[in-house]
Protein backbone atom coordinates (compact mmCIF):
# COMPACT_ATOMS: atom_id res chain seq x y z
CA MET A 1 -41.71 -53.40 34.90
CA ASP A 2 -44.76 -52.53 37.01
CA VAL A 3 -43.45 -53.81 40.36
CA VAL A 4 -39.84 -53.68 41.59
CA ALA A 5 -38.88 -55.55 44.78
CA ILE A 6 -35.68 -54.42 46.50
CA ASP A 7 -33.72 -56.05 49.31
CA LEU A 8 -32.18 -53.78 51.97
CA ASP A 9 -28.91 -55.00 53.54
CA GLY A 10 -26.19 -55.42 50.96
CA THR A 11 -28.53 -54.12 48.26
CA LEU A 12 -30.29 -50.79 48.84
CA LEU A 13 -28.29 -49.99 51.98
CA ASN A 14 -24.61 -49.18 51.53
CA ARG A 15 -21.86 -50.17 53.96
CA GLU A 16 -22.87 -47.24 56.18
CA HIS A 17 -26.36 -48.77 56.43
CA THR A 18 -27.91 -45.78 54.64
CA ILE A 19 -29.76 -45.18 51.36
CA SER A 20 -27.72 -43.06 48.96
CA ALA A 21 -29.16 -39.99 47.28
CA GLY A 22 -28.80 -41.70 43.90
CA ASN A 23 -30.77 -44.77 44.94
CA ALA A 24 -33.45 -42.67 46.65
CA GLU A 25 -33.88 -40.52 43.55
CA ALA A 26 -34.17 -43.55 41.25
CA ILE A 27 -36.86 -45.09 43.46
CA LYS A 28 -38.73 -41.80 43.72
CA GLN A 29 -38.66 -41.39 39.93
CA ALA A 30 -39.84 -44.97 39.38
CA GLN A 31 -42.81 -44.35 41.69
CA GLN A 32 -43.64 -41.16 39.81
CA ASP A 33 -43.58 -43.23 36.62
CA GLY A 34 -46.23 -45.55 38.08
CA VAL A 35 -44.01 -48.38 39.34
CA ASP A 36 -45.00 -50.01 42.64
CA ILE A 37 -41.89 -50.26 44.83
CA VAL A 38 -41.65 -53.15 47.31
CA ILE A 39 -38.97 -53.31 49.99
CA ALA A 40 -38.33 -57.00 50.76
CA THR A 41 -36.11 -57.58 53.77
CA GLY A 42 -35.30 -59.83 56.67
CA ARG A 43 -35.58 -56.80 58.95
CA ALA A 44 -38.63 -55.98 61.05
CA TYR A 45 -41.29 -53.60 59.70
CA PHE A 46 -40.75 -50.97 62.40
CA ASP A 47 -37.04 -50.98 61.57
CA VAL A 48 -37.82 -50.34 57.90
CA GLN A 49 -40.07 -47.44 58.93
CA GLN A 50 -37.12 -45.81 60.69
CA ILE A 51 -34.90 -46.21 57.63
CA PHE A 52 -37.44 -44.47 55.37
CA ALA A 53 -38.67 -41.91 57.92
CA ASP A 54 -36.86 -38.95 56.34
CA LEU A 55 -37.36 -39.97 52.71
CA PRO A 56 -40.30 -39.05 50.44
CA ILE A 57 -40.79 -42.73 49.60
CA ARG A 58 -43.64 -44.91 50.89
CA PRO A 59 -43.20 -48.42 49.50
CA TRP A 60 -44.90 -51.71 50.12
CA VAL A 61 -42.86 -53.53 52.78
CA ILE A 62 -42.24 -57.27 52.92
CA SER A 63 -40.49 -57.85 56.24
CA ALA A 64 -39.18 -60.79 58.30
CA ASN A 65 -38.17 -62.57 55.06
CA GLY A 66 -41.73 -62.69 53.74
CA ALA A 67 -43.64 -63.40 56.95
CA VAL A 68 -45.24 -59.93 57.08
CA ILE A 69 -46.51 -57.53 54.42
CA HIS A 70 -47.55 -53.89 54.95
CA THR A 71 -49.15 -51.57 52.41
CA PRO A 72 -47.57 -48.20 51.59
CA ASP A 73 -49.86 -46.47 54.11
CA GLY A 74 -48.73 -48.82 56.89
CA THR A 75 -51.73 -51.15 56.97
CA LEU A 76 -50.99 -54.77 57.83
CA PHE A 77 -51.78 -56.71 54.65
CA GLU A 78 -50.64 -60.24 55.47
CA GLU A 79 -48.84 -62.09 58.27
CA LYS A 80 -47.60 -65.63 58.82
CA ALA A 81 -46.54 -66.05 62.43
CA LEU A 82 -44.45 -68.96 63.66
CA ASP A 83 -46.19 -71.73 65.56
CA ARG A 84 -45.70 -70.73 69.19
CA GLY A 85 -44.82 -74.22 70.42
CA ASP A 86 -42.32 -74.93 67.66
CA ALA A 87 -40.77 -71.47 68.01
CA GLY A 88 -40.42 -72.02 71.75
CA ASP A 89 -38.70 -75.36 71.21
CA ALA A 90 -36.29 -73.77 68.73
CA LEU A 91 -35.45 -70.92 71.10
CA LYS A 92 -34.96 -73.33 73.99
CA TRP A 93 -32.40 -75.27 71.92
CA LEU A 94 -30.62 -72.10 70.72
CA GLU A 95 -30.36 -70.79 74.26
CA LYS A 96 -29.13 -74.14 75.60
CA GLU A 97 -26.45 -74.25 72.89
CA ALA A 98 -25.42 -70.62 73.64
CA TYR A 99 -26.36 -69.00 70.31
CA TYR A 100 -26.94 -65.30 69.92
CA TYR A 101 -30.49 -64.99 68.61
CA GLU A 102 -33.10 -62.41 67.69
CA VAL A 103 -36.87 -62.87 67.55
CA PHE A 104 -38.84 -60.48 65.37
CA SER A 105 -42.29 -59.66 66.68
CA GLY A 106 -44.83 -57.01 65.80
CA SER A 107 -43.32 -54.48 68.18
CA SER A 108 -39.77 -55.50 69.11
CA ILE A 109 -36.67 -57.48 68.27
CA TYR A 110 -36.20 -59.68 71.31
CA THR A 111 -32.65 -60.75 72.09
CA PRO A 112 -30.79 -62.19 75.11
CA GLN A 113 -29.43 -59.73 77.67
CA ASN A 114 -25.96 -61.30 77.34
CA GLY A 115 -26.15 -61.80 73.57
CA ARG A 116 -23.77 -59.07 72.47
CA GLU A 117 -21.21 -60.11 75.04
CA LEU A 118 -21.47 -63.65 73.69
CA LEU A 119 -20.71 -62.51 70.13
CA HIS A 120 -17.74 -60.43 71.21
CA VAL A 121 -16.32 -63.47 73.05
CA GLU A 122 -16.80 -65.59 69.91
CA MET A 123 -15.12 -62.93 67.78
CA ASP A 124 -12.13 -62.66 70.14
CA ARG A 125 -11.80 -66.45 70.23
CA LEU A 126 -11.85 -66.64 66.42
CA ILE A 127 -9.20 -63.94 66.08
CA SER A 128 -6.98 -65.60 68.71
CA ALA A 129 -7.16 -68.94 66.93
CA ASN A 130 -6.74 -67.40 63.47
CA PRO A 131 -4.60 -64.22 63.67
CA GLU A 132 -4.90 -63.73 59.90
CA THR A 133 -8.67 -63.26 60.20
CA ASP A 134 -10.00 -60.00 58.74
CA LYS A 135 -10.99 -58.21 61.94
CA GLN A 136 -12.68 -55.37 60.09
CA SER A 137 -15.06 -57.70 58.28
CA LEU A 138 -16.07 -59.30 61.59
CA LYS A 139 -16.63 -55.88 63.16
CA HIS A 140 -18.65 -54.83 60.13
CA ALA A 141 -20.84 -57.92 60.53
CA LEU A 142 -21.53 -56.97 64.15
CA ASP A 143 -22.19 -53.32 63.30
CA LYS A 144 -24.65 -54.40 60.63
CA GLN A 145 -26.44 -56.74 63.03
CA PHE A 146 -26.69 -54.13 65.77
CA SER A 147 -27.71 -51.29 63.42
CA GLN A 148 -31.35 -52.37 63.61
CA ASN A 149 -33.99 -50.48 65.58
CA GLY A 150 -36.35 -51.81 68.23
CA PHE A 151 -34.25 -54.16 70.38
CA ALA A 152 -35.80 -55.48 73.61
CA PHE A 153 -33.53 -57.46 75.93
CA VAL A 154 -34.71 -60.55 77.80
CA GLU A 155 -33.18 -62.82 80.44
CA SER A 156 -34.67 -65.98 78.89
CA TYR A 157 -36.51 -67.14 75.80
CA GLU A 158 -39.43 -67.96 78.09
CA GLU A 159 -40.22 -64.25 78.35
CA ILE A 160 -40.72 -64.15 74.58
CA VAL A 161 -42.86 -67.27 74.45
CA GLU A 162 -45.04 -66.03 77.30
CA SER A 163 -45.58 -62.62 75.71
CA LYS A 164 -48.60 -61.99 73.50
CA ASP A 165 -46.51 -60.78 70.58
CA PRO A 166 -46.61 -62.90 67.41
CA MET A 167 -43.22 -64.31 66.44
CA TYR A 168 -42.44 -63.87 62.76
CA ASN A 169 -38.75 -64.67 62.48
CA ILE A 170 -35.95 -66.23 64.52
CA LEU A 171 -32.40 -65.29 63.58
CA ALA A 172 -29.39 -67.16 64.97
CA PHE A 173 -25.90 -65.67 64.60
CA THR A 174 -22.49 -67.13 65.43
CA PHE A 175 -18.86 -66.67 64.40
CA ASP A 176 -18.19 -70.36 65.16
CA LEU A 177 -18.50 -72.15 61.80
CA ASP A 178 -18.99 -75.59 63.36
CA LYS A 179 -21.71 -74.18 65.56
CA LEU A 180 -23.30 -72.48 62.56
CA GLU A 181 -23.42 -75.74 60.61
CA LYS A 182 -24.78 -77.58 63.65
CA GLY A 183 -27.68 -75.12 63.85
CA LYS A 184 -28.42 -75.33 60.14
CA GLU A 185 -28.42 -79.11 60.31
CA LYS A 186 -30.74 -79.03 63.33
CA PHE A 187 -33.47 -77.05 61.54
CA HIS A 188 -32.83 -77.90 57.89
CA ASP A 189 -35.70 -80.36 57.50
CA HIS A 190 -38.02 -79.04 60.21
CA PRO A 191 -41.59 -79.26 58.86
CA SER A 192 -42.73 -76.01 60.51
CA PHE A 193 -39.91 -73.76 59.31
CA THR A 194 -38.44 -72.25 56.19
CA MET A 195 -34.73 -71.74 56.82
CA VAL A 196 -32.75 -69.11 54.93
CA SER A 197 -29.48 -67.23 55.39
CA SER A 198 -29.10 -63.49 54.92
CA ALA A 199 -25.39 -63.23 55.76
CA GLU A 200 -22.28 -65.33 56.22
CA HIS A 201 -22.72 -65.89 59.96
CA ASN A 202 -26.45 -66.50 60.38
CA PHE A 203 -29.49 -68.60 59.60
CA GLU A 204 -33.12 -67.58 59.97
CA LEU A 205 -36.37 -69.42 60.58
CA GLU A 206 -39.82 -68.41 59.31
CA ASP A 207 -43.13 -70.17 58.97
CA HIS A 208 -42.83 -72.90 56.33
CA THR A 209 -45.21 -71.03 54.00
CA ALA A 210 -43.32 -67.72 54.21
CA SER A 211 -40.71 -66.44 51.75
CA LYS A 212 -39.89 -63.25 49.94
CA GLY A 213 -41.00 -64.88 46.70
CA SER A 214 -44.44 -65.90 47.92
CA ALA A 215 -44.92 -62.47 49.52
CA LEU A 216 -44.01 -60.73 46.26
CA LYS A 217 -46.61 -62.85 44.47
CA SER A 218 -49.22 -61.87 47.08
CA VAL A 219 -48.52 -58.19 46.43
CA ALA A 220 -48.55 -58.60 42.65
CA ASP A 221 -51.82 -60.59 42.76
CA HIS A 222 -53.43 -57.90 44.91
CA LEU A 223 -52.34 -55.21 42.45
CA GLY A 224 -53.53 -57.28 39.49
CA ILE A 225 -50.04 -57.41 37.98
CA PRO A 226 -48.73 -60.61 36.34
CA MET A 227 -45.43 -61.91 37.68
CA ASP A 228 -43.71 -61.38 34.32
CA ARG A 229 -44.18 -57.65 34.94
CA THR A 230 -42.32 -57.79 38.26
CA ALA A 231 -38.61 -57.38 38.94
CA ALA A 232 -36.38 -57.99 41.95
CA VAL A 233 -32.84 -57.14 43.05
CA GLY A 234 -30.87 -58.70 45.92
CA ASP A 235 -27.56 -60.05 47.16
CA SER A 236 -28.07 -62.96 49.60
CA HIS A 237 -29.55 -66.45 49.80
CA ASN A 238 -32.75 -65.17 51.43
CA ASP A 239 -33.39 -63.22 48.20
CA LEU A 240 -33.36 -66.29 45.95
CA SER A 241 -37.09 -67.02 46.22
CA MET A 242 -38.09 -63.56 44.99
CA LEU A 243 -35.39 -63.43 42.32
CA GLU A 244 -36.68 -66.74 40.97
CA ALA A 245 -40.33 -65.63 41.21
CA ALA A 246 -39.90 -62.25 39.52
CA GLY A 247 -40.11 -61.70 35.78
CA ARG A 248 -36.68 -60.05 35.76
CA SER A 249 -33.94 -60.27 38.34
CA ALA A 250 -30.67 -58.52 39.10
CA ALA A 251 -27.91 -59.50 41.50
CA MET A 252 -25.70 -56.95 43.15
CA GLU A 253 -22.04 -56.93 42.18
CA ASN A 254 -21.35 -57.82 45.83
CA ALA A 255 -23.88 -60.69 45.82
CA VAL A 256 -23.02 -64.28 46.69
CA ASP A 257 -22.35 -66.54 43.71
CA ASP A 258 -25.64 -68.45 43.98
CA VAL A 259 -27.58 -65.20 43.66
CA LYS A 260 -25.55 -64.11 40.64
CA LYS A 261 -26.16 -67.46 38.94
CA ALA A 262 -29.90 -67.23 39.59
CA SER A 263 -30.27 -63.68 38.21
CA ASP A 264 -30.77 -62.29 34.72
CA TYR A 265 -28.40 -59.37 35.27
CA ILE A 266 -25.57 -58.28 37.56
CA THR A 267 -25.75 -54.63 38.55
CA LYS A 268 -23.26 -52.44 40.38
CA SER A 269 -22.43 -52.84 44.08
CA ASN A 270 -24.41 -51.51 47.03
CA ASP A 271 -21.74 -48.83 47.50
CA ASP A 272 -22.05 -47.71 43.88
CA ASP A 273 -25.83 -47.13 43.55
CA GLY A 274 -26.43 -50.60 42.16
CA VAL A 275 -30.18 -50.41 42.77
CA ALA A 276 -30.47 -47.18 40.79
CA TYR A 277 -28.47 -48.75 37.97
CA ALA A 278 -30.73 -51.81 37.90
CA ILE A 279 -33.90 -49.70 37.83
CA THR A 280 -32.72 -47.46 35.00
CA HIS A 281 -30.87 -50.04 32.90
CA TYR A 282 -32.66 -53.36 33.42
CA PHE A 283 -36.15 -52.68 34.79
CA SER A 284 -37.31 -49.69 32.77
């Protein structure tokens, strides 16, 4: 394979939100062998930069679920910002309905000042109503969400809309399953948005033309590489578009069932160097 696209959370990152030495070495070796590495994530670009800051790896980066692409030297290659009016309407509704949300821009991850308090209240309410709930898994979900870099806290969504920053991605997160389904139903058929989910408790909105799959094709076309010479590995529903677009695909052992069904191979888990295994066993 000439291009390998790799998701971050649940894929390249282990449960400690770090890249293992084994995965880093496999990626480094693949690059030395002439493979173009693409990190494809729902995270913001500046967050990805922090993750790779101490590693000798400079990949292409598809961020915000395909809305933004940067070259290995950090140059902005492509962006698909949300329509400002439609994004504002979505944020107004999310705020009115008391969702925790994040808005990915070019410089910050905007989030409500009281957002974390809101999620802790939801978590406590869920545990009180269902004492058998796995508290550790809920805490892990919060730790993962808050492990990102670049948060900027706002009192109201209006501050985000009035800023000059482009909005690439809106993420809504809730532990209330009825509330989660209500939000998904609200935006499911919205003509301006692509809606995906990167974890059990969230849904995300991007421009209707943005996806990890279309972004991977943009990179491959620029490099002059046919899609049958590309590969991708992931674990969540927001990875499906690139797994389906790539010539070869691998699901993590910890992936959701839909991702496993859509992939050519199933590699090891994100805590067992599954990316390294996929690169050396399936993508070489």
